[in-house]
Amino acid sequence: MGGEGLHRQPCRDLLQAVGDGGLEAVTNTEVLQEILHVRARRLGIKDAVVAVRAASDLVREVLPSDGRMSWRRASFSNDITVWEHAMPCTPQS
């Protein structure tokens, strides 16, 4: 989906590394919701559901989108910056 672009191949490489087991990945429900929304709008709901299932099967864990996670920058390549889980944030009382 989508046309050729600067980040297309590095993104494919990232997903390939995750699929091959060379890189562990997690996502959250917000990312899956975005995949569902974009794919459904462009290609239909059936394709969108398949894409979300594939994405969730690819990652180790799907985290809730509750805003309590802390993330830090980690580079995958010169072209792509990914965020990795640093540690849970404790809610302020």
Foldseek 3Di string as FASTA:
>chain_A
DDDDDDCPVVVVVVLVCLQVVVDADEEEPVVLVVQQVVCCVVPNNVVSVVVSVVVCVSHPYYHYPPPQWDWDWDDPDPRDIDIDTDGGHDDDD
